[in-house]
Amino acid sequence: MLPEHVEEKQSLGETINSITSAMLRLGPGDLARLRRMKTDGPGELVFWGLAVRHHLRTDVKGMALVRILALLAPKGDLGNRKPFHETKQSLGEALAKTGFSETRLARFLEQPFDRRAEALERMARWLSAKGATPVNCIDIACLLFSNDVKHARKLADTYYRGFDWAASHQAKESAA
């Protein structure tokens, strides 16, 4: 047993799973505050509660992730909300299925690492407007927290795989 002041480390996946589940139980006002939270400020109290309870980093990137997750979180009554995080649908696949343009994806992939938060926020707004959740929020966190090229490559790979799926799915519907 660890002393009270020592925390066990969680994987990023465990952190995302627990924080997205907790966000489903937040009231509409708390979610709205997180959506409007300035990531270069002190942060909303609800952010600090989530970050500390769920072992999320508390820097600008951690605040940006929570803001992005709040944009993806469903609005409305607590009882009618459905999960918005699911590892089975990658971020790239979700973008492809909703018609996110190749040009916009290319611009994202070309952006410097320090500009990703703003672009990921725009992607989250796009997905939310298109009703394209659940989505793998771990993909979002990896793109935000790490400048390792493997995450950008995964985004491009899953986008084009999803794009091919979407095209074949549309062709089947047209033929029917």
C-alpha atoms as a PDB file:
ATOM      1  CA  MET A   1       0.000   0.000   0.000  1.00  0.00           C
ATOM      2  CA  LEU A   2       1.312   3.408  -0.982  1.00  0.00           C
ATOM      3  CA  PRO A   3       1.304   6.325   1.461  1.00  0.00           C
ATOM      4  CA  GLU A   4      -1.512   8.848   0.897  1.00  0.00           C
ATOM      5  CA  HIS A   5       0.691  11.435  -0.797  1.00  0.00           C
ATOM      6  CA  VAL A   6       2.123   8.966  -3.343  1.00  0.00           C
ATOM      7  CA  GLU A   7      -0.039   8.336  -6.404  1.00  0.00           C
ATOM      8  CA  GLU A   8       0.058   5.292  -8.626  1.00  0.00           C
ATOM      9  CA  LYS A   9       0.812   6.068 -12.260  1.00  0.00           C
ATOM     10  CA  GLN A  10      -1.957   5.455 -14.773  1.00  0.00           C
ATOM     11  CA  SER A  11      -1.516   4.866 -18.461  1.00  0.00           C
ATOM     12  CA  LEU A  12      -2.735   7.570 -20.805  1.00  0.00           C
ATOM     13  CA  GLY A  13      -5.546   5.256 -21.893  1.00  0.00           C
ATOM     14  CA  GLU A  14      -6.688   4.756 -18.302  1.00  0.00           C
ATOM     15  CA  THR A  15      -6.593   8.502 -17.712  1.00  0.00           C
ATOM     16  CA  ILE A  16      -8.644   9.218 -20.839  1.00  0.00           C
ATOM     17  CA  ASN A  17     -11.160   6.476 -19.976  1.00  0.00           C
ATOM     18  CA  SER A  18     -11.668   7.782 -16.450  1.00  0.00           C
ATOM     19  CA  ILE A  19     -11.792  11.476 -17.334  1.00  0.00           C
ATOM     20  CA  THR A  20     -14.251  11.027 -20.233  1.00  0.00           C
ATOM     21  CA  SER A  21     -16.503   8.907 -18.003  1.00  0.00           C
ATOM     22  CA  ALA A  22     -16.393  11.606 -15.339  1.00  0.00           C
ATOM     23  CA  MET A  23     -17.207  14.297 -17.898  1.00  0.00           C
ATOM     24  CA  LEU A  24     -20.411  12.458 -18.826  1.00  0.00           C
ATOM     25  CA  ARG A  25     -21.571  13.078 -15.246  1.00  0.00           C
ATOM     26  CA  LEU A  26     -20.786  16.810 -15.228  1.00  0.00           C
ATOM     27  CA  GLY A  27     -23.626  19.282 -15.297  1.00  0.00           C
ATOM     28  CA  PRO A  28     -24.203  21.417 -18.401  1.00  0.00           C
ATOM     29  CA  GLY A  29     -22.766  24.497 -16.681  1.00  0.00           C
ATOM     30  CA  ASP A  30     -19.514  22.750 -15.791  1.00  0.00           C
ATOM     31  CA  LEU A  31     -19.092  21.454 -19.335  1.00  0.00           C
ATOM     32  CA  ALA A  32     -19.774  24.924 -20.721  1.00  0.00           C
ATOM     33  CA  ARG A  33     -17.111  26.379 -18.414  1.00  0.00           C
ATOM     34  CA  LEU A  34     -14.621  23.776 -19.659  1.00  0.00           C
ATOM     35  CA  ARG A  35     -15.477  24.556 -23.298  1.00  0.00           C
ATOM     36  CA  ARG A  36     -14.803  28.259 -22.683  1.00  0.00           C
ATOM     37  CA  MET A  37     -11.758  27.752 -20.428  1.00  0.00           C
ATOM     38  CA  LYS A  38      -8.693  29.764 -21.407  1.00  0.00           C
ATOM     39  CA  THR A  39      -5.759  27.385 -21.478  1.00  0.00           C
ATOM     40  CA  ASP A  40      -3.239  30.117 -20.729  1.00  0.00           C
ATOM     41  CA  GLY A  41      -5.063  31.147 -17.538  1.00  0.00           C
ATOM     42  CA  PRO A  42      -5.389  29.579 -14.093  1.00  0.00           C
ATOM     43  CA  GLY A  43      -8.012  27.056 -15.223  1.00  0.00           C
ATOM     44  CA  GLU A  44     -11.550  26.424 -14.065  1.00  0.00           C
ATOM     45  CA  LEU A  45     -12.101  24.751 -10.699  1.00  0.00           C
ATOM     46  CA  VAL A  46     -13.872  21.876 -12.433  1.00  0.00           C
ATOM     47  CA  PHE A  47     -10.688  21.340 -14.504  1.00  0.00           C
ATOM     48  CA  TRP A  48      -8.580  21.090 -11.352  1.00  0.00           C
ATOM     49  CA  GLY A  49     -10.976  18.593  -9.822  1.00  0.00           C
ATOM     50  CA  LEU A  50     -10.848  16.401 -12.938  1.00  0.00           C
ATOM     51  CA  ALA A  51      -7.088  16.728 -13.415  1.00  0.00           C
ATOM     52  CA  VAL A  52      -6.180  15.844  -9.848  1.00  0.00           C
ATOM     53  CA  ARG A  53      -8.707  13.019  -9.478  1.00  0.00           C
ATOM     54  CA  HIS A  54      -7.813  11.440 -12.812  1.00  0.00           C
ATOM     55  CA  HIS A  55      -4.035  12.019 -12.814  1.00  0.00           C
ATOM     56  CA  LEU A  56      -3.999  14.333 -15.804  1.00  0.00           C
ATOM     57  CA  ARG A  57      -1.158  16.734 -16.395  1.00  0.00           C
ATOM     58  CA  THR A  58      -2.011  20.260 -15.265  1.00  0.00           C
ATOM     59  CA  ASP A  59      -0.081  22.357 -17.754  1.00  0.00           C
ATOM     60  CA  VAL A  60      -1.385  24.177 -20.834  1.00  0.00           C
ATOM     61  CA  LYS A  61      -1.544  20.896 -22.784  1.00  0.00           C
ATOM     62  CA  GLY A  62      -3.605  19.230 -20.051  1.00  0.00           C
ATOM     63  CA  MET A  63      -6.001  22.165 -20.051  1.00  0.00           C
ATOM     64  CA  ALA A  64      -6.201  22.057 -23.843  1.00  0.00           C
ATOM     65  CA  LEU A  65      -7.056  18.347 -23.755  1.00  0.00           C
ATOM     66  CA  VAL A  66      -9.873  18.872 -21.260  1.00  0.00           C
ATOM     67  CA  ARG A  67     -11.214  21.760 -23.329  1.00  0.00           C
ATOM     68  CA  ILE A  68     -11.171  19.570 -26.474  1.00  0.00           C
ATOM     69  CA  LEU A  69     -12.856  16.699 -24.615  1.00  0.00           C
ATOM     70  CA  ALA A  70     -15.524  19.104 -23.350  1.00  0.00           C
ATOM     71  CA  LEU A  71     -16.210  20.107 -26.965  1.00  0.00           C
ATOM     72  CA  LEU A  72     -16.769  16.447 -27.836  1.00  0.00           C
ATOM     73  CA  ALA A  73     -18.858  15.694 -24.743  1.00  0.00           C
ATOM     74  CA  PRO A  74     -22.575  15.490 -25.420  1.00  0.00           C
ATOM     75  CA  LYS A  75     -24.751  18.355 -24.246  1.00  0.00           C
ATOM     76  CA  GLY A  76     -28.105  18.038 -22.568  1.00  0.00           C
ATOM     77  CA  ASP A  77     -29.596  15.928 -19.802  1.00  0.00           C
ATOM     78  CA  LEU A  78     -27.241  13.695 -17.873  1.00  0.00           C
ATOM     79  CA  GLY A  79     -29.476  10.664 -18.399  1.00  0.00           C
ATOM     80  CA  ASN A  80     -29.468  10.986 -22.196  1.00  0.00           C
ATOM     81  CA  ARG A  81     -25.724  11.325 -22.763  1.00  0.00           C
ATOM     82  CA  LYS A  82     -23.850   8.648 -24.632  1.00  0.00           C
ATOM     83  CA  PRO A  83     -20.094   8.004 -24.361  1.00  0.00           C
ATOM     84  CA  PHE A  84     -17.969  10.168 -26.630  1.00  0.00           C
ATOM     85  CA  HIS A  85     -14.750   8.154 -26.257  1.00  0.00           C
ATOM     86  CA  GLU A  86     -14.370   4.764 -27.897  1.00  0.00           C
ATOM     87  CA  THR A  87     -11.107   3.186 -28.978  1.00  0.00           C
ATOM     88  CA  LYS A  88     -12.716   1.388 -31.941  1.00  0.00           C
ATOM     89  CA  GLN A  89     -13.132   4.543 -34.064  1.00  0.00           C
ATOM     90  CA  SER A  90      -9.860   6.357 -34.601  1.00  0.00           C
ATOM     91  CA  LEU A  91      -9.695  10.111 -34.984  1.00  0.00           C
ATOM     92  CA  GLY A  92      -8.622   9.721 -38.612  1.00  0.00           C
ATOM     93  CA  GLU A  93     -11.506   7.388 -39.423  1.00  0.00           C
ATOM     94  CA  ALA A  94     -14.021   9.723 -37.790  1.00  0.00           C
ATOM     95  CA  LEU A  95     -12.680  12.684 -39.766  1.00  0.00           C
ATOM     96  CA  ALA A  96     -12.841  10.734 -43.031  1.00  0.00           C
ATOM     97  CA  LYS A  97     -16.378   9.501 -42.436  1.00  0.00           C
ATOM     98  CA  THR A  98     -17.579  13.057 -41.852  1.00  0.00           C
ATOM     99  CA  GLY A  99     -16.028  14.500 -44.994  1.00  0.00           C
ATOM    100  CA  PHE A 100     -13.171  16.383 -43.341  1.00  0.00           C
ATOM    101  CA  SER A 101     -11.133  17.605 -46.296  1.00  0.00           C
ATOM    102  CA  GLU A 102      -7.717  16.279 -47.253  1.00  0.00           C
ATOM    103  CA  THR A 103      -6.513  19.872 -47.493  1.00  0.00           C
ATOM    104  CA  ARG A 104      -7.408  20.531 -43.859  1.00  0.00           C
ATOM    105  CA  LEU A 105      -5.746  17.286 -42.798  1.00  0.00           C
ATOM    106  CA  ALA A 106      -2.609  18.206 -44.753  1.00  0.00           C
ATOM    107  CA  ARG A 107      -2.535  21.627 -43.058  1.00  0.00           C
ATOM    108  CA  PHE A 108      -2.775  19.946 -39.677  1.00  0.00           C
ATOM    109  CA  LEU A 109       0.051  17.522 -40.470  1.00  0.00           C
ATOM    110  CA  GLU A 110       2.251  20.415 -41.644  1.00  0.00           C
ATOM    111  CA  GLN A 111       1.676  22.537 -38.548  1.00  0.00           C
ATOM    112  CA  PRO A 112       4.385  22.900 -35.940  1.00  0.00           C
ATOM    113  CA  PHE A 113       3.803  20.834 -32.811  1.00  0.00           C
ATOM    114  CA  ASP A 114       3.099  23.889 -30.647  1.00  0.00           C
ATOM    115  CA  ARG A 115       0.124  24.866 -32.869  1.00  0.00           C
ATOM    116  CA  ARG A 116      -1.667  21.510 -32.673  1.00  0.00           C
ATOM    117  CA  ALA A 117      -3.989  22.387 -29.789  1.00  0.00           C
ATOM    118  CA  GLU A 118      -5.872  25.002 -31.820  1.00  0.00           C
ATOM    119  CA  ALA A 119      -6.166  22.685 -34.820  1.00  0.00           C
ATOM    120  CA  LEU A 120      -7.320  19.748 -32.677  1.00  0.00           C
ATOM    121  CA  GLU A 121      -9.925  22.024 -31.147  1.00  0.00           C
ATOM    122  CA  ARG A 122     -11.230  22.865 -34.636  1.00  0.00           C
ATOM    123  CA  MET A 123     -11.345  19.135 -35.436  1.00  0.00           C
ATOM    124  CA  ALA A 124     -13.318  18.490 -32.235  1.00  0.00           C
ATOM    125  CA  ARG A 125     -15.793  21.237 -33.154  1.00  0.00           C
ATOM    126  CA  TRP A 126     -16.152  19.679 -36.623  1.00  0.00           C
ATOM    127  CA  LEU A 127     -16.752  16.181 -35.222  1.00  0.00           C
ATOM    128  CA  SER A 128     -19.210  17.473 -32.645  1.00  0.00           C
ATOM    129  CA  ALA A 129     -21.174  19.405 -35.268  1.00  0.00           C
ATOM    130  CA  LYS A 130     -21.294  16.299 -37.472  1.00  0.00           C
ATOM    131  CA  GLY A 131     -22.354  14.054 -34.576  1.00  0.00           C
ATOM    132  CA  ALA A 132     -19.299  11.884 -35.174  1.00  0.00           C
ATOM    133  CA  THR A 133     -18.751  10.557 -31.698  1.00  0.00           C
ATOM    134  CA  PRO A 134     -17.662   8.321 -30.121  1.00  0.00           C
ATOM    135  CA  VAL A 135     -14.084   8.798 -31.244  1.00  0.00           C
ATOM    136  CA  ASN A 136     -10.771   7.573 -29.863  1.00  0.00           C
ATOM    137  CA  CYS A 137      -9.788  10.436 -27.564  1.00  0.00           C
ATOM    138  CA  ILE A 138      -6.438   8.759 -26.878  1.00  0.00           C
ATOM    139  CA  ASP A 139      -5.500   9.668 -30.473  1.00  0.00           C
ATOM    140  CA  ILE A 140      -6.227  13.301 -29.656  1.00  0.00           C
ATOM    141  CA  ALA A 141      -4.148  13.187 -26.465  1.00  0.00           C
ATOM    142  CA  CYS A 142      -1.191  11.576 -28.263  1.00  0.00           C
ATOM    143  CA  LEU A 143      -1.228  14.233 -30.989  1.00  0.00           C
ATOM    144  CA  LEU A 144      -1.435  16.955 -28.360  1.00  0.00           C
ATOM    145  CA  PHE A 145       1.117  15.618 -25.867  1.00  0.00           C
ATOM    146  CA  SER A 146       3.770  14.090 -28.136  1.00  0.00           C
ATOM    147  CA  ASN A 147       5.619  15.398 -31.161  1.00  0.00           C
ATOM    148  CA  ASP A 148       6.554  11.842 -32.156  1.00  0.00           C
ATOM    149  CA  VAL A 149       5.793  11.519 -35.863  1.00  0.00           C
ATOM    150  CA  LYS A 150       4.158   8.103 -35.338  1.00  0.00           C
ATOM    151  CA  HIS A 151       0.982   9.781 -34.039  1.00  0.00           C
ATOM    152  CA  ALA A 152       0.691  12.023 -37.107  1.00  0.00           C
ATOM    153  CA  ARG A 153       1.337   9.000 -39.327  1.00  0.00           C
ATOM    154  CA  LYS A 154      -1.393   7.037 -37.546  1.00  0.00           C
ATOM    155  CA  LEU A 155      -3.802   9.940 -38.119  1.00  0.00           C
ATOM    156  CA  ALA A 156      -3.025  10.005 -41.850  1.00  0.00           C
ATOM    157  CA  ASP A 157      -3.157   6.208 -42.146  1.00  0.00           C
ATOM    158  CA  THR A 158      -6.506   5.854 -40.376  1.00  0.00           C
ATOM    159  CA  TYR A 159      -7.920   8.852 -42.256  1.00  0.00           C
ATOM    160  CA  TYR A 160      -7.190   7.278 -45.624  1.00  0.00           C
ATOM    161  CA  ARG A 161      -8.377   3.862 -44.505  1.00  0.00           C
ATOM    162  CA  GLY A 162     -11.597   5.521 -43.283  1.00  0.00           C
ATOM    163  CA  PHE A 163     -11.799   7.583 -46.455  1.00  0.00           C
ATOM    164  CA  ASP A 164     -11.657   4.390 -48.527  1.00  0.00           C
ATOM    165  CA  TRP A 165     -14.334   2.844 -46.302  1.00  0.00           C
ATOM    166  CA  ALA A 166     -16.563   5.904 -46.655  1.00  0.00           C
ATOM    167  CA  ALA A 167     -16.187   5.922 -50.449  1.00  0.00           C
ATOM    168  CA  SER A 168     -17.013   2.233 -50.770  1.00  0.00           C
ATOM    169  CA  HIS A 169     -19.948   2.622 -48.370  1.00  0.00           C
ATOM    170  CA  GLN A 170     -21.364   5.504 -50.451  1.00  0.00           C
ATOM    171  CA  ALA A 171     -20.906   3.489 -53.654  1.00  0.00           C
ATOM    172  CA  LYS A 172     -22.872   0.586 -52.138  1.00  0.00           C
ATOM    173  CA  GLU A 173     -25.684   2.934 -51.060  1.00  0.00           C
ATOM    174  CA  SER A 174     -25.832   4.499 -54.545  1.00  0.00           C
ATOM    175  CA  ALA A 175     -26.059   1.079 -56.171  1.00  0.00           C
ATOM    176  CA  ALA A 176     -28.938  -0.003 -53.914  1.00  0.00           C
END
